Amino acid sequence: MKNRVRAGELRHPISIEEQVETQDSYGGVVITWNNLLDTRAKIVPVTGGEWYINDQLANTVDHSILIRHPRFDIPYSARIIFNGREFNIVKMLNFEERDMHLVILAKEKKQ
């Protein structure tokens, strides 16, 4: 990955949503999703050995999603929505530890 990310590279509009549990009128648990952030991203399918940190991660990551650092913590239970597709967060990396960009390693949820 390059040192600088140009704005034109962040061409995919995404939403990051947080899971919230509430109770229905019968006391049952209902899961809803609250929007944490709408932003633009660079989404790249992961093939080969780009992000293979260990064998377990290699089998659970199929996309790399680059965003500008949101300046707040995104919970691992959050999901990413892009063009009707859903991605589960596997790992997040503070690119170059500069708090400028966040690389999210994700697995697409198959429908």
Protein backbone atom coordinates (compact mmCIF):
# COMPACT_ATOMS: atom_id res chain seq x y z
CA MET A 1 0.00 0.00 0.00
CA LYS A 2 1.24 3.47 -0.81
CA ASN A 3 2.12 6.07 1.82
CA ARG A 4 -0.59 8.45 0.62
CA VAL A 5 -4.13 7.63 -0.34
CA ARG A 6 -5.65 9.91 -2.92
CA ALA A 7 -9.30 10.90 -2.47
CA GLY A 8 -10.15 9.40 -5.87
CA GLU A 9 -9.16 5.95 -4.62
CA LEU A 10 -11.92 6.08 -1.98
CA ARG A 11 -14.69 5.60 -4.51
CA HIS A 12 -17.00 3.11 -2.79
CA PRO A 13 -19.73 4.60 -0.56
CA ILE A 14 -20.15 2.45 2.56
CA SER A 15 -22.07 2.49 5.83
CA ILE A 16 -20.72 1.09 9.08
CA GLU A 17 -23.48 -0.11 11.36
CA GLU A 18 -23.44 -1.09 15.03
CA GLN A 19 -25.49 -3.99 16.36
CA VAL A 20 -27.98 -3.03 19.07
CA GLU A 21 -30.08 -5.43 21.13
CA THR A 22 -33.50 -4.25 22.34
CA GLN A 23 -36.48 -6.01 23.84
CA ASP A 24 -39.82 -6.43 22.15
CA SER A 25 -43.14 -6.14 24.00
CA TYR A 26 -42.94 -9.83 24.96
CA GLY A 27 -39.48 -9.55 26.49
CA GLY A 28 -37.71 -11.20 23.57
CA VAL A 29 -34.44 -9.88 22.21
CA VAL A 30 -34.60 -8.00 18.91
CA ILE A 31 -31.42 -7.15 17.03
CA THR A 32 -31.37 -3.88 15.11
CA TRP A 33 -28.60 -1.93 13.42
CA ASN A 34 -27.71 1.73 14.06
CA ASN A 35 -25.66 3.69 11.56
CA LEU A 36 -22.28 4.69 13.01
CA LEU A 37 -20.70 6.20 9.92
CA ASP A 38 -21.29 6.87 6.24
CA THR A 39 -18.00 7.29 4.41
CA ARG A 40 -16.11 6.42 1.26
CA ALA A 41 -13.76 3.47 0.99
CA LYS A 42 -11.44 1.54 -1.25
CA ILE A 43 -12.67 -2.05 -1.35
CA VAL A 44 -10.30 -4.66 -2.75
CA PRO A 45 -10.89 -8.42 -2.93
CA VAL A 46 -8.07 -10.25 -1.16
CA THR A 47 -6.47 -13.02 -3.16
CA GLY A 48 -3.18 -14.77 -2.66
CA GLY A 49 -1.12 -13.77 0.36
CA GLU A 50 -1.70 -10.03 0.75
CA TRP A 51 -2.96 -10.10 4.37
CA TYR A 52 -2.12 -13.61 5.47
CA ILE A 53 -1.07 -13.05 9.07
CA ASN A 54 -1.75 -16.65 10.04
CA ASP A 55 -3.63 -19.63 8.59
CA GLN A 56 -6.79 -18.87 10.53
CA LEU A 57 -6.99 -15.29 9.23
CA ALA A 58 -6.27 -16.49 5.69
CA ASN A 59 -9.48 -18.52 5.71
CA THR A 60 -11.67 -15.77 7.15
CA VAL A 61 -10.70 -12.66 5.14
CA ASP A 62 -11.80 -12.03 1.57
CA HIS A 63 -11.78 -8.21 1.31
CA SER A 64 -9.60 -5.32 2.39
CA ILE A 65 -11.50 -2.07 3.04
CA LEU A 66 -9.54 1.16 3.39
CA ILE A 67 -11.19 4.24 4.96
CA ARG A 68 -10.04 7.50 6.47
CA HIS A 69 -9.57 7.02 10.21
CA PRO A 70 -12.91 7.86 11.87
CA ARG A 71 -11.33 9.17 15.12
CA PHE A 72 -13.43 6.79 17.20
CA ASP A 73 -13.31 3.07 17.86
CA ILE A 74 -15.36 0.84 15.61
CA PRO A 75 -16.52 -2.28 17.46
CA TYR A 76 -15.66 -5.63 15.92
CA SER A 77 -19.35 -6.53 16.13
CA ALA A 78 -20.13 -3.79 13.59
CA ARG A 79 -20.85 -4.58 9.97
CA ILE A 80 -20.08 -2.79 6.72
CA ILE A 81 -22.74 -2.32 4.07
CA PHE A 82 -21.73 -1.66 0.47
CA ASN A 83 -24.15 -1.75 -2.43
CA GLY A 84 -26.50 -4.17 -0.65
CA ARG A 85 -23.62 -6.46 0.36
CA GLU A 86 -22.71 -7.13 4.00
CA PHE A 87 -19.18 -7.53 5.37
CA ASN A 88 -18.21 -8.76 8.84
CA ILE A 89 -15.11 -7.19 10.40
CA VAL A 90 -12.28 -9.64 11.12
CA LYS A 91 -9.34 -7.32 11.87
CA MET A 92 -8.64 -3.57 11.84
CA LEU A 93 -5.20 -2.06 11.26
CA ASN A 94 -4.20 1.55 11.88
CA PHE A 95 -2.25 2.05 8.64
CA GLU A 96 1.32 3.14 9.48
CA GLU A 97 0.10 3.93 13.07
CA ARG A 98 -0.58 7.50 11.93
CA ASP A 99 -4.34 7.68 12.73
CA MET A 100 -4.99 8.76 9.14
CA HIS A 101 -6.30 5.58 7.50
CA LEU A 102 -7.85 2.39 8.78
CA VAL A 103 -7.52 -0.92 6.94
CA ILE A 104 -10.42 -3.23 7.73
CA LEU A 105 -9.97 -6.88 6.86
CA ALA A 106 -13.42 -8.34 6.30
CA LYS A 107 -15.35 -11.39 5.24
CA GLU A 108 -18.36 -10.96 2.97
CA LYS A 109 -21.51 -12.52 4.33
CA LYS A 110 -22.96 -14.80 1.66
CA GLN A 111 -26.70 -14.54 1.19
